């Protein structure tokens, strides 16, 4: 019986992880101590409201390499500038929803 319950719990976790968006997955995998499932899910919800899928995949890389955010923010590339405006809106939304 314990094996069956364990297998069921693993399948639920696998489905949850598969349904998680790129921001939530990056948040959960980060080494930040406050990366709880509920907080990371909330941040993903804010991302879903403010960022495209491509933006989310790009922003998720900042969890692994925070310096990359600074590089993008300071870039003269017009697509980076436009992304940064959307990313700032995402940050404000996430702070209001999840902070």
C-alpha atoms as a PDB file:
ATOM      1  CA  UNK A   1       0.000   0.000   0.000  1.00  0.00           C
ATOM      2  CA  UNK A   2       2.865   2.388   0.819  1.00  0.00           C
ATOM      3  CA  UNK A   3       4.381   1.774  -2.611  1.00  0.00           C
ATOM      4  CA  UNK A   4       1.100   2.666  -4.287  1.00  0.00           C
ATOM      5  CA  UNK A   5       0.755   5.891  -2.281  1.00  0.00           C
ATOM      6  CA  UNK A   6       4.370   6.810  -3.053  1.00  0.00           C
ATOM      7  CA  UNK A   7       3.862   6.162  -6.772  1.00  0.00           C
ATOM      8  CA  UNK A   8       0.709   8.287  -6.768  1.00  0.00           C
ATOM      9  CA  UNK A   9       2.517  11.143  -5.021  1.00  0.00           C
ATOM     10  CA  UNK A  10       5.368  10.991  -7.549  1.00  0.00           C
ATOM     11  CA  UNK A  11       2.962  11.100 -10.477  1.00  0.00           C
ATOM     12  CA  UNK A  12       1.207  14.161  -9.024  1.00  0.00           C
ATOM     13  CA  UNK A  13       4.564  15.909  -8.607  1.00  0.00           C
ATOM     14  CA  UNK A  14       5.574  15.006 -12.157  1.00  0.00           C
ATOM     15  CA  UNK A  15       2.323  16.439 -13.544  1.00  0.00           C
ATOM     16  CA  UNK A  16       2.761  19.610 -11.451  1.00  0.00           C
ATOM     17  CA  UNK A  17       6.321  20.088 -12.660  1.00  0.00           C
ATOM     18  CA  UNK A  18       5.278  19.496 -16.261  1.00  0.00           C
ATOM     19  CA  UNK A  19       2.561  22.146 -15.971  1.00  0.00           C
ATOM     20  CA  UNK A  20       4.835  24.688 -14.300  1.00  0.00           C
ATOM     21  CA  UNK A  21       5.916  27.559 -16.503  1.00  0.00           C
ATOM     22  CA  UNK A  22       9.520  28.515 -17.159  1.00  0.00           C
ATOM     23  CA  UNK A  23       9.616  31.172 -14.440  1.00  0.00           C
ATOM     24  CA  UNK A  24       8.175  28.825 -11.806  1.00  0.00           C
ATOM     25  CA  UNK A  25      10.593  26.035 -12.747  1.00  0.00           C
ATOM     26  CA  UNK A  26      13.573  28.405 -12.616  1.00  0.00           C
ATOM     27  CA  UNK A  27      12.388  29.804  -9.286  1.00  0.00           C
ATOM     28  CA  UNK A  28      12.009  26.326  -7.775  1.00  0.00           C
ATOM     29  CA  UNK A  29      15.434  25.266  -9.043  1.00  0.00           C
ATOM     30  CA  UNK A  30      17.176  28.398  -7.798  1.00  0.00           C
ATOM     31  CA  UNK A  31      19.277  28.369  -4.654  1.00  0.00           C
ATOM     32  CA  UNK A  32      17.200  31.087  -3.008  1.00  0.00           C
ATOM     33  CA  UNK A  33      15.990  29.965   0.388  1.00  0.00           C
ATOM     34  CA  UNK A  34      12.509  31.469  -0.029  1.00  0.00           C
ATOM     35  CA  UNK A  35      11.689  29.719  -3.314  1.00  0.00           C
ATOM     36  CA  UNK A  36       8.575  27.970  -2.047  1.00  0.00           C
ATOM     37  CA  UNK A  37       6.146  26.309  -4.440  1.00  0.00           C
ATOM     38  CA  UNK A  38       3.411  28.822  -3.577  1.00  0.00           C
ATOM     39  CA  UNK A  39       5.682  31.849  -4.050  1.00  0.00           C
ATOM     40  CA  UNK A  40       7.159  30.517  -7.289  1.00  0.00           C
ATOM     41  CA  UNK A  41       3.646  29.712  -8.550  1.00  0.00           C
ATOM     42  CA  UNK A  42       2.513  33.237  -7.737  1.00  0.00           C
ATOM     43  CA  UNK A  43       5.485  34.688  -9.602  1.00  0.00           C
ATOM     44  CA  UNK A  44       4.600  32.473 -12.585  1.00  0.00           C
ATOM     45  CA  UNK A  45       1.025  33.789 -12.481  1.00  0.00           C
ATOM     46  CA  UNK A  46       2.373  37.350 -12.694  1.00  0.00           C
ATOM     47  CA  UNK A  47       4.589  36.299 -15.604  1.00  0.00           C
ATOM     48  CA  UNK A  48       1.594  34.789 -17.399  1.00  0.00           C
ATOM     49  CA  UNK A  49      -0.179  38.145 -17.150  1.00  0.00           C
ATOM     50  CA  UNK A  50       2.713  40.322 -18.309  1.00  0.00           C
ATOM     51  CA  UNK A  51       5.225  38.331 -20.379  1.00  0.00           C
ATOM     52  CA  UNK A  52       5.039  36.293 -23.557  1.00  0.00           C
ATOM     53  CA  UNK A  53       6.271  32.704 -23.518  1.00  0.00           C
ATOM     54  CA  UNK A  54       9.495  33.788 -25.201  1.00  0.00           C
ATOM     55  CA  UNK A  55       9.945  36.561 -22.618  1.00  0.00           C
ATOM     56  CA  UNK A  56       9.405  34.037 -19.821  1.00  0.00           C
ATOM     57  CA  UNK A  57      12.016  31.652 -21.194  1.00  0.00           C
ATOM     58  CA  UNK A  58      14.472  34.543 -21.572  1.00  0.00           C
ATOM     59  CA  UNK A  59      13.781  35.892 -18.068  1.00  0.00           C
ATOM     60  CA  UNK A  60      14.040  32.421 -16.510  1.00  0.00           C
ATOM     61  CA  UNK A  61      17.740  32.464 -17.363  1.00  0.00           C
ATOM     62  CA  UNK A  62      18.193  35.326 -14.884  1.00  0.00           C
ATOM     63  CA  UNK A  63      17.558  32.898 -12.013  1.00  0.00           C
ATOM     64  CA  UNK A  64      20.672  30.920 -13.021  1.00  0.00           C
ATOM     65  CA  UNK A  65      22.769  33.932 -13.997  1.00  0.00           C
ATOM     66  CA  UNK A  66      21.555  37.165 -12.339  1.00  0.00           C
ATOM     67  CA  UNK A  67      24.348  39.137 -13.997  1.00  0.00           C
ATOM     68  CA  UNK A  68      22.643  38.497 -17.339  1.00  0.00           C
ATOM     69  CA  UNK A  69      19.761  40.738 -16.190  1.00  0.00           C
ATOM     70  CA  UNK A  70      22.204  43.601 -15.730  1.00  0.00           C
ATOM     71  CA  UNK A  71      23.709  42.977 -19.154  1.00  0.00           C
ATOM     72  CA  UNK A  72      20.256  43.089 -20.767  1.00  0.00           C
ATOM     73  CA  UNK A  73      19.213  46.159 -18.764  1.00  0.00           C
ATOM     74  CA  UNK A  74      22.285  48.088 -19.913  1.00  0.00           C
ATOM     75  CA  UNK A  75      22.149  46.883 -23.504  1.00  0.00           C
ATOM     76  CA  UNK A  76      21.668  49.333 -26.365  1.00  0.00           C
ATOM     77  CA  UNK A  77      19.830  46.657 -28.334  1.00  0.00           C
ATOM     78  CA  UNK A  78      16.279  47.883 -29.014  1.00  0.00           C
ATOM     79  CA  UNK A  79      14.734  44.444 -28.460  1.00  0.00           C
ATOM     80  CA  UNK A  80      16.484  44.250 -25.077  1.00  0.00           C
ATOM     81  CA  UNK A  81      15.151  47.713 -24.204  1.00  0.00           C
ATOM     82  CA  UNK A  82      11.599  46.671 -25.096  1.00  0.00           C
ATOM     83  CA  UNK A  83      11.995  43.416 -23.167  1.00  0.00           C
ATOM     84  CA  UNK A  84      13.290  45.317 -20.145  1.00  0.00           C
ATOM     85  CA  UNK A  85      10.176  47.496 -20.063  1.00  0.00           C
ATOM     86  CA  UNK A  86       7.977  44.369 -20.063  1.00  0.00           C
ATOM     87  CA  UNK A  87      10.224  42.752 -17.459  1.00  0.00           C
ATOM     88  CA  UNK A  88       9.908  45.784 -15.165  1.00  0.00           C
ATOM     89  CA  UNK A  89       6.100  45.580 -15.481  1.00  0.00           C
ATOM     90  CA  UNK A  90       6.336  41.879 -14.603  1.00  0.00           C
ATOM     91  CA  UNK A  91       8.425  42.704 -11.523  1.00  0.00           C
ATOM     92  CA  UNK A  92       5.941  45.315 -10.350  1.00  0.00           C
ATOM     93  CA  UNK A  93       3.046  42.915 -10.894  1.00  0.00           C
ATOM     94  CA  UNK A  94       4.801  40.055  -9.101  1.00  0.00           C
ATOM     95  CA  UNK A  95       5.642  42.311  -6.164  1.00  0.00           C
ATOM     96  CA  UNK A  96       2.027  43.486  -5.880  1.00  0.00           C
ATOM     97  CA  UNK A  97       0.589  39.961  -6.158  1.00  0.00           C
ATOM     98  CA  UNK A  98       3.182  37.974  -4.246  1.00  0.00           C
ATOM     99  CA  UNK A  99       4.991  40.431  -1.976  1.00  0.00           C
END
